Amino acid sequence: MTDTNRRVEAPADRRSMPRGGRRTYDVPGRYPFVLVAEGYEAVRTPCAAYLSLLNFEVAETAVPKEAVAVIESGWVPHVILADLASARVLSQVEAPSQVFIPALIVMTSSSATARPPNGALLLKPFRLKEMLRTIRRVLHRIGPVPPPLSLARPARPNPE
């Protein structure tokens, strides 16, 4: 016997839901944290704006010293999107909480660089959609992102 009067509820309209790095275990607000350490402004600005639009908490730095200062200030990102120069400097810095931070290295060719552990390589030019997919893949690979120690924005270091 079939019930022809049964109504099927349509799922909620997902177009109006915020997207980005959201997972069931994430805390409310702008999260997870991404540090965009890229010297070329034409790459850094759109990447940061796109991630921010998708509810990621983003900090931008133009030079490696600024990126080191952000991490040493206690604002520990979950992923670092960095050019090769910044990635080299940041690989020698330990986060205050002794947490491993995966890096996505942005470069023009991959011939001389091996993929960083738990990270990825992004070759320029790349689509923002590809960058987002790569960040999500790296976040998924490291497992559940722990709740932030602080939701405060990093202090902007003074360039010397």
N, C-alpha and C. Protein backbone atom coordinates (compact mmCIF):
# COMPACT_ATOMS: atom_id res chain seq x y z
N MET A 1 0.84 -1.18 0.00
CA MET A 1 0.00 0.00 0.00
C MET A 1 0.89 1.25 0.00
N THR A 2 0.66 2.14 -0.92
CA THR A 2 1.47 3.35 -1.02
C THR A 2 0.66 4.54 -0.54
N ASP A 3 1.35 5.47 0.00
CA ASP A 3 0.71 6.68 0.51
C ASP A 3 0.98 7.81 -0.48
N THR A 4 0.00 8.15 -1.29
CA THR A 4 0.18 9.18 -2.31
C THR A 4 0.03 10.58 -1.75
N ASN A 5 -0.49 10.71 -0.54
CA ASN A 5 -0.68 12.04 0.06
C ASN A 5 0.55 12.51 0.85
N ARG A 6 1.56 11.70 0.92
CA ARG A 6 2.75 12.07 1.69
C ARG A 6 3.52 13.18 0.96
N ARG A 7 3.87 14.21 1.69
CA ARG A 7 4.64 15.32 1.11
C ARG A 7 6.10 15.15 1.49
N VAL A 8 6.95 15.39 0.53
CA VAL A 8 8.38 15.32 0.77
C VAL A 8 8.89 16.74 0.98
N GLU A 9 9.55 16.96 2.13
CA GLU A 9 10.10 18.28 2.43
C GLU A 9 11.35 18.51 1.60
N ALA A 10 11.42 19.66 0.99
CA ALA A 10 12.61 20.02 0.23
C ALA A 10 13.72 20.43 1.18
N PRO A 11 14.97 20.11 0.87
CA PRO A 11 16.07 20.52 1.75
C PRO A 11 16.20 22.04 1.74
N ALA A 12 16.83 22.56 2.77
CA ALA A 12 17.03 24.01 2.86
C ALA A 12 17.84 24.49 1.67
N ASP A 13 17.58 25.71 1.27
CA ASP A 13 18.29 26.30 0.14
C ASP A 13 19.73 26.58 0.54
N ARG A 14 20.68 25.82 0.01
CA ARG A 14 22.08 25.94 0.40
C ARG A 14 22.75 27.18 -0.18
N ARG A 15 22.14 27.85 -1.15
CA ARG A 15 22.77 29.02 -1.74
C ARG A 15 22.91 30.16 -0.74
N SER A 16 22.04 30.21 0.25
CA SER A 16 22.11 31.30 1.22
C SER A 16 22.96 30.95 2.44
N MET A 17 23.45 29.70 2.52
CA MET A 17 24.27 29.30 3.66
C MET A 17 25.71 29.75 3.47
N PRO A 18 26.38 30.19 4.55
CA PRO A 18 27.79 30.53 4.41
C PRO A 18 28.61 29.30 4.13
N ARG A 19 29.61 29.46 3.28
CA ARG A 19 30.46 28.33 2.94
C ARG A 19 31.89 28.64 3.32
N GLY A 20 32.80 27.91 2.85
CA GLY A 20 34.21 28.14 3.17
C GLY A 20 34.75 26.95 3.90
N GLY A 21 35.45 27.16 4.99
CA GLY A 21 36.06 26.08 5.72
C GLY A 21 35.15 25.47 6.76
N ARG A 22 33.87 25.75 6.72
CA ARG A 22 32.93 25.30 7.74
C ARG A 22 32.83 23.79 7.84
N ARG A 23 32.93 23.30 9.03
CA ARG A 23 32.71 21.90 9.33
C ARG A 23 31.87 21.83 10.60
N THR A 24 31.31 20.70 10.91
CA THR A 24 30.42 20.59 12.06
C THR A 24 31.12 20.90 13.38
N TYR A 25 32.43 20.70 13.45
CA TYR A 25 33.15 20.92 14.69
C TYR A 25 33.76 22.32 14.77
N ASP A 26 33.55 23.17 13.76
CA ASP A 26 34.09 24.53 13.80
C ASP A 26 33.32 25.40 14.78
N VAL A 27 34.00 26.39 15.31
CA VAL A 27 33.34 27.34 16.19
C VAL A 27 32.69 28.41 15.34
N PRO A 28 31.69 29.13 15.88
CA PRO A 28 31.06 30.18 15.09
C PRO A 28 32.03 31.33 14.84
N GLY A 29 31.76 32.07 13.79
CA GLY A 29 32.60 33.22 13.45
C GLY A 29 33.44 32.94 12.23
N ARG A 30 34.44 33.75 12.03
CA ARG A 30 35.31 33.62 10.87
C ARG A 30 36.43 32.64 11.21
N TYR A 31 36.44 31.50 10.53
CA TYR A 31 37.28 30.40 10.97
C TYR A 31 37.35 29.37 9.87
N PRO A 32 38.36 28.63 9.59
CA PRO A 32 39.69 28.55 10.18
C PRO A 32 40.60 29.71 9.77
N PHE A 33 41.74 29.77 10.43
CA PHE A 33 42.69 30.86 10.20
C PHE A 33 43.62 30.52 9.05
N VAL A 34 43.81 31.49 8.15
CA VAL A 34 44.73 31.33 7.01
C VAL A 34 45.64 32.55 6.98
N LEU A 35 46.94 32.31 6.91
CA LEU A 35 47.92 33.38 6.76
C LEU A 35 48.35 33.40 5.30
N VAL A 36 48.13 34.54 4.63
CA VAL A 36 48.54 34.70 3.23
C VAL A 36 49.82 35.53 3.24
N ALA A 37 50.95 34.86 3.02
CA ALA A 37 52.26 35.51 3.03
C ALA A 37 52.80 35.50 1.60
N GLU A 38 52.48 36.54 0.87
CA GLU A 38 52.83 36.62 -0.55
C GLU A 38 53.35 38.03 -0.84
N GLY A 39 54.52 38.11 -1.46
CA GLY A 39 55.13 39.40 -1.75
C GLY A 39 54.47 40.16 -2.88
N TYR A 40 53.80 39.47 -3.77
CA TYR A 40 53.19 40.08 -4.94
C TYR A 40 51.74 40.45 -4.61
N GLU A 41 51.47 41.75 -4.55
CA GLU A 41 50.16 42.22 -4.11
C GLU A 41 49.01 41.76 -5.01
N ALA A 42 49.28 41.62 -6.31
CA ALA A 42 48.23 41.19 -7.25
C ALA A 42 47.79 39.75 -6.99
N VAL A 43 48.59 38.98 -6.26
CA VAL A 43 48.20 37.62 -5.87
C VAL A 43 47.62 37.64 -4.47
N ARG A 44 48.29 38.35 -3.55
CA ARG A 44 47.90 38.35 -2.13
C ARG A 44 46.50 38.92 -1.91
N THR A 45 46.19 40.05 -2.50
CA THR A 45 44.93 40.73 -2.24
C THR A 45 43.71 39.92 -2.69
N PRO A 46 43.67 39.41 -3.94
CA PRO A 46 42.48 38.62 -4.32
C PRO A 46 42.34 37.32 -3.53
N CYS A 47 43.47 36.68 -3.21
CA CYS A 47 43.40 35.44 -2.42
C CYS A 47 42.79 35.71 -1.05
N ALA A 48 43.28 36.76 -0.38
CA ALA A 48 42.77 37.10 0.94
C ALA A 48 41.31 37.53 0.89
N ALA A 49 40.94 38.31 -0.12
CA ALA A 49 39.55 38.77 -0.24
C ALA A 49 38.61 37.59 -0.49
N TYR A 50 39.01 36.66 -1.34
CA TYR A 50 38.18 35.49 -1.65
C TYR A 50 37.98 34.62 -0.42
N LEU A 51 39.06 34.35 0.30
CA LEU A 51 38.95 33.53 1.52
C LEU A 51 38.11 34.23 2.58
N SER A 52 38.28 35.53 2.71
CA SER A 52 37.50 36.30 3.69
C SER A 52 36.01 36.27 3.33
N LEU A 53 35.73 36.36 2.06
CA LEU A 53 34.34 36.30 1.58
C LEU A 53 33.69 34.97 1.95
N LEU A 54 34.50 33.91 2.03
CA LEU A 54 33.99 32.57 2.34
C LEU A 54 34.15 32.22 3.82
N ASN A 55 34.23 33.23 4.68
CA ASN A 55 34.25 33.10 6.14
C ASN A 55 35.52 32.49 6.73
N PHE A 56 36.63 32.59 6.03
CA PHE A 56 37.91 32.25 6.63
C PHE A 56 38.42 33.49 7.34
N GLU A 57 39.14 33.32 8.43
CA GLU A 57 39.81 34.44 9.09
C GLU A 57 41.18 34.55 8.43
N VAL A 58 41.47 35.69 7.81
CA VAL A 58 42.67 35.84 6.99
C VAL A 58 43.55 36.96 7.52
N ALA A 59 44.85 36.69 7.57
CA ALA A 59 45.84 37.72 7.84
C ALA A 59 46.75 37.78 6.62
N GLU A 60 47.11 38.99 6.20
CA GLU A 60 47.97 39.17 5.04
C GLU A 60 49.32 39.74 5.46
N THR A 61 50.38 39.25 4.83
CA THR A 61 51.71 39.84 5.02
C THR A 61 52.40 39.89 3.67
N ALA A 62 53.23 40.92 3.49
CA ALA A 62 53.92 41.10 2.22
C ALA A 62 55.36 40.57 2.26
N VAL A 63 55.97 40.60 3.43
CA VAL A 63 57.37 40.15 3.54
C VAL A 63 57.46 39.06 4.60
N PRO A 64 58.44 38.17 4.48
CA PRO A 64 58.56 37.06 5.44
C PRO A 64 58.68 37.50 6.90
N LYS A 65 59.36 38.64 7.16
CA LYS A 65 59.51 39.09 8.55
C LYS A 65 58.16 39.39 9.19
N GLU A 66 57.23 39.95 8.42
CA GLU A 66 55.89 40.23 8.95
C GLU A 66 55.16 38.93 9.28
N ALA A 67 55.32 37.92 8.43
CA ALA A 67 54.66 36.63 8.67
C ALA A 67 55.19 35.98 9.94
N VAL A 68 56.49 36.06 10.16
CA VAL A 68 57.09 35.52 11.38
C VAL A 68 56.56 36.28 12.59
N ALA A 69 56.46 37.60 12.49
CA ALA A 69 55.96 38.42 13.60
C ALA A 69 54.51 38.06 13.94
N VAL A 70 53.69 37.79 12.92
CA VAL A 70 52.29 37.42 13.15
C VAL A 70 52.22 36.12 13.94
N ILE A 71 53.00 35.13 13.54
CA ILE A 71 52.98 33.83 14.22
C ILE A 71 53.54 33.95 15.63
N GLU A 72 54.63 34.70 15.79
CA GLU A 72 55.22 34.85 17.11
C GLU A 72 54.35 35.67 18.06
N SER A 73 53.41 36.46 17.50
CA SER A 73 52.51 37.23 18.34
C SER A 73 51.44 36.35 19.00
N GLY A 74 51.36 35.09 18.58
CA GLY A 74 50.39 34.18 19.19
C GLY A 74 49.22 33.84 18.29
N TRP A 75 49.09 34.50 17.14
CA TRP A 75 48.01 34.20 16.19
C TRP A 75 48.49 33.05 15.33
N VAL A 76 48.07 31.84 15.63
CA VAL A 76 48.57 30.66 14.92
C VAL A 76 47.58 30.25 13.84
N PRO A 77 47.96 30.36 12.57
CA PRO A 77 47.06 29.96 11.49
C PRO A 77 46.96 28.44 11.38
N HIS A 78 45.88 27.98 10.77
CA HIS A 78 45.72 26.56 10.51
C HIS A 78 46.41 26.16 9.21
N VAL A 79 46.52 27.11 8.28
CA VAL A 79 47.17 26.90 6.99
C VAL A 79 47.89 28.19 6.62
N ILE A 80 49.06 28.04 5.98
CA ILE A 80 49.79 29.20 5.47
C ILE A 80 49.84 29.09 3.95
N LEU A 81 49.42 30.15 3.27
CA LEU A 81 49.52 30.26 1.83
C LEU A 81 50.68 31.21 1.58
N ALA A 82 51.82 30.70 1.08
CA ALA A 82 53.03 31.52 1.03
C ALA A 82 53.77 31.36 -0.29
N ASP A 83 54.46 32.44 -0.67
CA ASP A 83 55.38 32.33 -1.80
C ASP A 83 56.62 31.59 -1.33
N LEU A 84 57.50 31.26 -2.24
CA LEU A 84 58.64 30.42 -1.91
C LEU A 84 59.57 31.09 -0.89
N ALA A 85 59.80 32.40 -1.02
CA ALA A 85 60.69 33.11 -0.09
C ALA A 85 60.12 33.08 1.33
N SER A 86 58.84 33.35 1.47
CA SER A 86 58.20 33.33 2.79
C SER A 86 58.17 31.92 3.36
N ALA A 87 57.93 30.92 2.51
CA ALA A 87 57.87 29.53 2.98
C ALA A 87 59.21 29.08 3.55
N ARG A 88 60.31 29.51 2.91
CA ARG A 88 61.64 29.15 3.43
C ARG A 88 61.88 29.72 4.81
N VAL A 89 61.51 30.99 5.01
CA VAL A 89 61.70 31.63 6.31
C VAL A 89 60.76 31.01 7.35
N LEU A 90 59.50 30.80 6.98
CA LEU A 90 58.52 30.27 7.92
C LEU A 90 58.79 28.81 8.30
N SER A 91 59.48 28.06 7.45
CA SER A 91 59.77 26.67 7.78
C SER A 91 60.73 26.55 8.96
N GLN A 92 61.45 27.63 9.28
CA GLN A 92 62.41 27.62 10.38
C GLN A 92 61.83 28.20 11.67
N VAL A 93 60.57 28.63 11.62
CA VAL A 93 59.93 29.24 12.78
C VAL A 93 59.01 28.23 13.44
N GLU A 94 59.06 28.15 14.75
CA GLU A 94 58.15 27.29 15.49
C GLU A 94 57.00 28.13 16.02
N ALA A 95 55.80 27.61 15.89
CA ALA A 95 54.64 28.30 16.44
C ALA A 95 54.72 28.27 17.96
N PRO A 96 54.21 29.31 18.64
CA PRO A 96 54.27 29.35 20.10
C PRO A 96 53.64 28.14 20.77
N SER A 97 52.62 27.56 20.17
CA SER A 97 51.95 26.42 20.78
C SER A 97 52.53 25.09 20.32
N GLN A 98 53.68 25.11 19.61
CA GLN A 98 54.36 23.90 19.13
C GLN A 98 53.47 23.08 18.20
N VAL A 99 52.59 23.73 17.46
CA VAL A 99 51.68 23.06 16.54
C VAL A 99 52.28 23.11 15.14
N PHE A 100 52.19 21.99 14.42
CA PHE A 100 52.65 21.97 13.04
C PHE A 100 51.64 22.69 12.17
N ILE A 101 52.11 23.62 11.34
CA ILE A 101 51.22 24.38 10.46
C ILE A 101 51.53 24.00 9.01
N PRO A 102 50.58 23.38 8.30
CA PRO A 102 50.84 23.03 6.91
C PRO A 102 50.91 24.27 6.03
N ALA A 103 51.71 24.18 4.96
CA ALA A 103 51.89 25.32 4.06
C ALA A 103 51.47 24.95 2.65
N LEU A 104 50.88 25.91 1.97
CA LEU A 104 50.61 25.81 0.55
C LEU A 104 51.58 26.78 -0.11
N ILE A 105 52.51 26.27 -0.88
CA ILE A 105 53.53 27.11 -1.49
C ILE A 105 53.06 27.51 -2.87
N VAL A 106 53.05 28.83 -3.12
CA VAL A 106 52.62 29.39 -4.40
C VAL A 106 53.88 29.71 -5.19
N MET A 107 54.00 29.15 -6.39
CA MET A 107 55.19 29.38 -7.20
C MET A 107 54.87 29.27 -8.68
N THR A 108 55.85 29.64 -9.51
CA THR A 108 55.61 29.61 -10.95
C THR A 108 55.96 28.29 -11.60
N SER A 109 56.87 27.50 -10.99
CA SER A 109 57.17 26.17 -11.52
C SER A 109 57.52 25.25 -10.37
N SER A 110 57.23 23.97 -10.51
CA SER A 110 57.43 23.03 -9.41
C SER A 110 58.65 22.14 -9.62
N SER A 111 59.51 22.48 -10.55
CA SER A 111 60.60 21.57 -10.91
C SER A 111 61.60 21.35 -9.77
N ALA A 112 61.88 22.37 -8.96
CA ALA A 112 62.95 22.24 -7.96
C ALA A 112 62.44 22.07 -6.53
N THR A 113 61.14 22.07 -6.32
CA THR A 113 60.63 22.05 -4.96
C THR A 113 59.75 20.82 -4.72
N ALA A 114 60.04 20.13 -3.65
CA ALA A 114 59.20 19.00 -3.26
C ALA A 114 57.99 19.53 -2.49
N ARG A 115 56.91 18.78 -2.52
CA ARG A 115 55.71 19.18 -1.80
C ARG A 115 56.00 19.18 -0.31
N PRO A 116 55.61 20.25 0.41
CA PRO A 116 55.84 20.30 1.85
C PRO A 116 55.01 19.22 2.56
N PRO A 117 55.48 18.73 3.73
CA PRO A 117 54.71 17.72 4.45
C PRO A 117 53.34 18.25 4.86
N ASN A 118 52.31 17.48 4.58
CA ASN A 118 50.91 17.84 4.85
C ASN A 118 50.50 19.13 4.16
N GLY A 119 51.27 19.58 3.21
CA GLY A 119 50.95 20.81 2.49
C GLY A 119 50.68 20.52 1.03
N ALA A 120 50.86 21.54 0.18
CA ALA A 120 50.62 21.38 -1.24
C ALA A 120 51.35 22.48 -2.00
N LEU A 121 51.46 22.30 -3.30
CA LEU A 121 52.01 23.31 -4.19
C LEU A 121 50.88 23.87 -5.04
N LEU A 122 50.88 25.17 -5.23
CA LEU A 122 49.95 25.83 -6.15
C LEU A 122 50.79 26.52 -7.20
N LEU A 123 50.57 26.21 -8.46
CA LEU A 123 51.35 26.83 -9.52
C LEU A 123 50.62 28.03 -10.09
N LYS A 124 51.35 29.16 -10.20
CA LYS A 124 50.78 30.37 -10.79
C LYS A 124 50.75 30.19 -12.29
N PRO A 125 49.76 30.69 -12.97
CA PRO A 125 48.53 31.27 -12.46
C PRO A 125 47.57 30.16 -12.03
N PHE A 126 46.78 30.44 -11.00
CA PHE A 126 45.80 29.47 -10.53
C PHE A 126 44.47 30.17 -10.33
N ARG A 127 43.41 29.42 -10.41
CA ARG A 127 42.07 29.96 -10.17
C ARG A 127 41.82 29.98 -8.67
N LEU A 128 41.06 30.96 -8.21
CA LEU A 128 40.75 31.05 -6.79
C LEU A 128 40.00 29.81 -6.31
N LYS A 129 39.18 29.26 -7.18
CA LYS A 129 38.44 28.04 -6.86
C LYS A 129 39.41 26.88 -6.60
N GLU A 130 40.47 26.80 -7.39
CA GLU A 130 41.49 25.77 -7.19
C GLU A 130 42.22 25.97 -5.86
N MET A 131 42.50 27.22 -5.51
CA MET A 131 43.15 27.53 -4.23
C MET A 131 42.26 27.08 -3.07
N LEU A 132 40.97 27.39 -3.15
CA LEU A 132 40.03 27.01 -2.10
C LEU A 132 39.96 25.49 -1.96
N ARG A 133 39.89 24.79 -3.07
CA ARG A 133 39.84 23.33 -3.05
C ARG A 133 41.10 22.74 -2.41
N THR A 134 42.25 23.33 -2.71
CA THR A 134 43.52 22.86 -2.15
C THR A 134 43.58 23.12 -0.65
N ILE A 135 43.13 24.29 -0.21
CA ILE A 135 43.12 24.60 1.23
C ILE A 135 42.20 23.64 1.96
N ARG A 136 41.03 23.37 1.42
CA ARG A 136 40.11 22.43 2.05
C ARG A 136 40.70 21.03 2.12
N ARG A 137 41.40 20.62 1.05
CA ARG A 137 42.02 19.30 1.04
C ARG A 137 43.10 19.19 2.12
N VAL A 138 43.90 20.24 2.28
CA VAL A 138 44.94 20.23 3.32
C VAL A 138 44.30 20.22 4.71
N LEU A 139 43.26 21.02 4.92
CA LEU A 139 42.57 21.02 6.22
C LEU A 139 41.97 19.66 6.52
N HIS A 140 41.42 19.02 5.51
CA HIS A 140 40.84 17.69 5.69
C HIS A 140 41.93 16.67 6.02
N ARG A 141 43.09 16.82 5.38
CA ARG A 141 44.20 15.88 5.60
C ARG A 141 44.73 15.96 7.03
N ILE A 142 44.75 17.16 7.63
CA ILE A 142 45.28 17.29 8.99
C ILE A 142 44.24 16.93 10.04
N GLY A 143 43.00 16.72 9.63
CA GLY A 143 41.97 16.31 10.59
C GLY A 143 41.24 17.50 11.17
N PRO A 144 40.44 17.25 12.21
CA PRO A 144 39.66 18.33 12.81
C PRO A 144 40.56 19.48 13.28
N VAL A 145 40.15 20.67 12.91
CA VAL A 145 40.90 21.86 13.31
C VAL A 145 40.55 22.18 14.75
N PRO A 146 41.55 22.26 15.63
CA PRO A 146 41.24 22.54 17.03
C PRO A 146 40.67 23.94 17.20
N PRO A 147 39.85 24.15 18.21
CA PRO A 147 39.31 25.49 18.43
C PRO A 147 40.44 26.48 18.65
N PRO A 148 40.24 27.72 18.23
CA PRO A 148 41.31 28.72 18.36
C PRO A 148 41.57 29.07 19.82
N LEU A 149 42.81 29.42 20.09
CA LEU A 149 43.16 29.90 21.42
C LEU A 149 42.58 31.29 21.62
N SER A 150 42.56 32.06 20.55
CA SER A 150 42.05 33.42 20.62
C SER A 150 41.48 33.79 19.27
N LEU A 151 40.36 34.46 19.25
CA LEU A 151 39.78 34.93 18.00
C LEU A 151 40.23 36.35 17.68
N ALA A 152 41.15 36.89 18.46
CA ALA A 152 41.64 38.26 18.22
C ALA A 152 42.47 38.29 16.95
N ARG A 153 42.34 39.37 16.20
CA ARG A 153 43.13 39.54 14.98
C ARG A 153 44.58 39.79 15.35
N PRO A 154 45.50 39.37 14.49
CA PRO A 154 46.91 39.58 14.80
C PRO A 154 47.26 41.06 14.76
N ALA A 155 48.21 41.45 15.60
CA ALA A 155 48.68 42.82 15.60
C ALA A 155 49.51 43.02 14.32
N ARG A 156 49.31 44.11 13.66
CA ARG A 156 50.05 44.40 12.43
C ARG A 156 51.45 44.85 12.82
N PRO A 157 52.50 44.09 12.45
CA PRO A 157 53.86 44.49 12.82
C PRO A 157 54.29 45.75 12.11
N ASN A 158 55.13 46.54 12.78
CA ASN A 158 55.66 47.75 12.17
C ASN A 158 56.86 47.38 11.31
N PRO A 159 56.84 47.69 9.98
CA PRO A 159 58.00 47.38 9.15
C PRO A 159 59.17 48.25 9.56
N GLU A 160 60.32 47.63 9.65
CA GLU A 160 61.51 48.38 10.07
C GLU A 160 62.42 48.64 8.92
